[in-house]
Amino acid sequence: RRSETDWLLLRGSEIRLDVVPSANALASYLRAAWHHAGLLELSGDGRHYVLTRDVAFGSGSAALHFAVGAKGQGRGGWQPIDPDGGVDPDTPALIAA
């Protein structure tokens, strides 16, 4: 997260392969379009996609919806992390919980 209205999924982020039925069509559409454009690549083990560059979203819920392929968690679906692998509530780095 860079601000309340600017959320950045970082290059190398893992993106869930499947979109659940309750998710809106935008998540599926973006995944297909970005995979075709080279922004998403299948991981080496084939278990998820990987972002090939940083991608900005207008909200935390939009970023989470795209990353996990489901809606409804909003900002509560993100957990603060620190570079050492622990949880640090003062860092802007977040991981989908």
C-alpha atoms as a PDB file:
ATOM      1  CA  ARG A   1       0.000   0.000   0.000  1.00  0.00           C
ATOM      2  CA  ARG A   2       1.335   3.426  -0.927  1.00  0.00           C
ATOM      3  CA  SER A   3      -1.739   5.392   0.193  1.00  0.00           C
ATOM      4  CA  GLU A   4      -5.430   4.834   0.843  1.00  0.00           C
ATOM      5  CA  THR A   5      -6.167   5.153  -2.885  1.00  0.00           C
ATOM      6  CA  ASP A   6      -2.977   3.682  -4.331  1.00  0.00           C
ATOM      7  CA  TRP A   7      -2.252   0.008  -3.767  1.00  0.00           C
ATOM      8  CA  LEU A   8       0.638  -1.674  -5.552  1.00  0.00           C
ATOM      9  CA  LEU A   9       0.949  -5.406  -6.149  1.00  0.00           C
ATOM     10  CA  LEU A  10       4.652  -6.029  -6.522  1.00  0.00           C
ATOM     11  CA  ARG A  11       6.409  -7.869  -9.320  1.00  0.00           C
ATOM     12  CA  GLY A  12       6.866 -11.475  -8.257  1.00  0.00           C
ATOM     13  CA  SER A  13       3.594 -11.557  -6.294  1.00  0.00           C
ATOM     14  CA  GLU A  14       1.764 -14.864  -6.446  1.00  0.00           C
ATOM     15  CA  ILE A  15      -1.717 -14.664  -7.988  1.00  0.00           C
ATOM     16  CA  ARG A  16      -4.232 -17.453  -7.457  1.00  0.00           C
ATOM     17  CA  LEU A  17      -4.953 -19.422 -10.635  1.00  0.00           C
ATOM     18  CA  ASP A  18      -8.682 -19.828 -10.231  1.00  0.00           C
ATOM     19  CA  VAL A  19     -11.391 -17.258  -9.674  1.00  0.00           C
ATOM     20  CA  VAL A  20     -14.239 -18.336  -7.382  1.00  0.00           C
ATOM     21  CA  PRO A  21     -17.814 -18.136  -8.742  1.00  0.00           C
ATOM     22  CA  SER A  22     -18.734 -15.259  -6.399  1.00  0.00           C
ATOM     23  CA  ALA A  23     -16.006 -13.010  -7.859  1.00  0.00           C
ATOM     24  CA  ASN A  24     -17.029 -10.539 -10.529  1.00  0.00           C
ATOM     25  CA  ALA A  25     -16.010 -10.999 -14.153  1.00  0.00           C
ATOM     26  CA  LEU A  26     -13.375  -8.250 -13.968  1.00  0.00           C
ATOM     27  CA  ALA A  27     -10.916 -10.479 -12.094  1.00  0.00           C
ATOM     28  CA  SER A  28     -11.171 -13.167 -14.787  1.00  0.00           C
ATOM     29  CA  TYR A  29     -10.976 -10.611 -17.585  1.00  0.00           C
ATOM     30  CA  LEU A  30      -7.888  -8.872 -16.150  1.00  0.00           C
ATOM     31  CA  ARG A  31      -6.126 -12.174 -15.580  1.00  0.00           C
ATOM     32  CA  ALA A  32      -6.776 -13.285 -19.171  1.00  0.00           C
ATOM     33  CA  ALA A  33      -5.779  -9.924 -20.659  1.00  0.00           C
ATOM     34  CA  TRP A  34      -2.669  -9.522 -18.504  1.00  0.00           C
ATOM     35  CA  HIS A  35      -1.595 -13.126 -19.102  1.00  0.00           C
ATOM     36  CA  HIS A  36      -1.898 -12.513 -22.851  1.00  0.00           C
ATOM     37  CA  ALA A  37       0.088  -9.251 -22.516  1.00  0.00           C
ATOM     38  CA  GLY A  38       2.855 -10.924 -20.481  1.00  0.00           C
ATOM     39  CA  LEU A  39       2.073  -9.253 -17.138  1.00  0.00           C
ATOM     40  CA  LEU A  40       1.171 -12.621 -15.634  1.00  0.00           C
ATOM     41  CA  GLU A  41       3.154 -15.796 -16.128  1.00  0.00           C
ATOM     42  CA  LEU A  42       2.461 -19.283 -14.913  1.00  0.00           C
ATOM     43  CA  SER A  43       4.777 -20.220 -12.038  1.00  0.00           C
ATOM     44  CA  GLY A  44       7.406 -22.886 -12.580  1.00  0.00           C
ATOM     45  CA  ASP A  45       5.393 -25.441 -10.609  1.00  0.00           C
ATOM     46  CA  GLY A  46       2.122 -24.428 -12.329  1.00  0.00           C
ATOM     47  CA  ARG A  47       0.328 -23.762  -9.037  1.00  0.00           C
ATOM     48  CA  HIS A  48      -0.213 -19.991  -9.453  1.00  0.00           C
ATOM     49  CA  TYR A  49       0.498 -17.001 -11.653  1.00  0.00           C
ATOM     50  CA  VAL A  50       3.349 -14.579 -10.967  1.00  0.00           C
ATOM     51  CA  LEU A  51       3.261 -10.844 -11.754  1.00  0.00           C
ATOM     52  CA  THR A  52       6.063  -9.796 -14.091  1.00  0.00           C
ATOM     53  CA  ARG A  53       5.870  -6.105 -13.122  1.00  0.00           C
ATOM     54  CA  ASP A  54       4.354  -3.914 -10.404  1.00  0.00           C
ATOM     55  CA  VAL A  55       0.632  -3.241 -10.926  1.00  0.00           C
ATOM     56  CA  ALA A  56      -1.309  -0.396  -9.261  1.00  0.00           C
ATOM     57  CA  PHE A  57      -4.911  -0.635  -8.022  1.00  0.00           C
ATOM     58  CA  GLY A  58      -7.224   2.081  -6.696  1.00  0.00           C
ATOM     59  CA  SER A  59      -8.099   0.252  -3.484  1.00  0.00           C
ATOM     60  CA  GLY A  60      -6.986  -2.537  -1.231  1.00  0.00           C
ATOM     61  CA  SER A  61     -10.128  -4.511  -1.952  1.00  0.00           C
ATOM     62  CA  ALA A  62      -9.550  -4.297  -5.729  1.00  0.00           C
ATOM     63  CA  ALA A  63      -5.962  -5.505  -5.348  1.00  0.00           C
ATOM     64  CA  LEU A  64      -7.057  -8.352  -3.071  1.00  0.00           C
ATOM     65  CA  HIS A  65      -9.947  -9.292  -5.375  1.00  0.00           C
ATOM     66  CA  PHE A  66      -7.504  -9.628  -8.264  1.00  0.00           C
ATOM     67  CA  ALA A  67      -4.822 -11.493  -6.286  1.00  0.00           C
ATOM     68  CA  VAL A  68      -7.020 -14.093  -4.610  1.00  0.00           C
ATOM     69  CA  GLY A  69      -9.839 -14.270  -7.170  1.00  0.00           C
ATOM     70  CA  ALA A  70     -12.549 -13.669  -4.606  1.00  0.00           C
ATOM     71  CA  LYS A  71     -14.380 -10.673  -3.230  1.00  0.00           C
ATOM     72  CA  GLY A  72     -15.773  -9.733   0.125  1.00  0.00           C
ATOM     73  CA  GLN A  73     -12.692  -9.416   2.346  1.00  0.00           C
ATOM     74  CA  GLY A  74     -11.917  -5.765   1.599  1.00  0.00           C
ATOM     75  CA  ARG A  75      -8.940  -4.249   3.384  1.00  0.00           C
ATOM     76  CA  GLY A  76      -9.324  -6.759   6.213  1.00  0.00           C
ATOM     77  CA  GLY A  77      -7.858  -9.406   3.931  1.00  0.00           C
ATOM     78  CA  TRP A  78      -4.387  -7.839   4.133  1.00  0.00           C
ATOM     79  CA  GLN A  79      -1.895  -8.452   6.948  1.00  0.00           C
ATOM     80  CA  PRO A  80       1.193  -6.269   7.607  1.00  0.00           C
ATOM     81  CA  ILE A  81       4.575  -7.973   7.148  1.00  0.00           C
ATOM     82  CA  ASP A  82       8.166  -6.945   7.565  1.00  0.00           C
ATOM     83  CA  PRO A  83      11.201  -7.912   5.450  1.00  0.00           C
ATOM     84  CA  ASP A  84      12.343 -10.436   8.088  1.00  0.00           C
ATOM     85  CA  GLY A  85       9.164 -12.475   7.668  1.00  0.00           C
ATOM     86  CA  GLY A  86       7.425 -11.393  10.867  1.00  0.00           C
ATOM     87  CA  VAL A  87       4.371  -9.211  11.341  1.00  0.00           C
ATOM     88  CA  ASP A  88       5.010  -5.475  11.678  1.00  0.00           C
ATOM     89  CA  PRO A  89       1.927  -3.232  11.980  1.00  0.00           C
ATOM     90  CA  ASP A  90       3.995  -0.134  11.105  1.00  0.00           C
ATOM     91  CA  THR A  91       5.115  -1.301   7.651  1.00  0.00           C
ATOM     92  CA  PRO A  92       3.304  -0.467   4.397  1.00  0.00           C
ATOM     93  CA  ALA A  93       4.149  -3.966   3.071  1.00  0.00           C
ATOM     94  CA  LEU A  94       1.104  -6.253   3.222  1.00  0.00           C
ATOM     95  CA  ILE A  95       0.336  -9.848   2.352  1.00  0.00           C
ATOM     96  CA  ALA A  96      -3.035 -11.377   1.520  1.00  0.00           C
ATOM     97  CA  ALA A  97      -4.172 -13.223   4.629  1.00  0.00           C
END
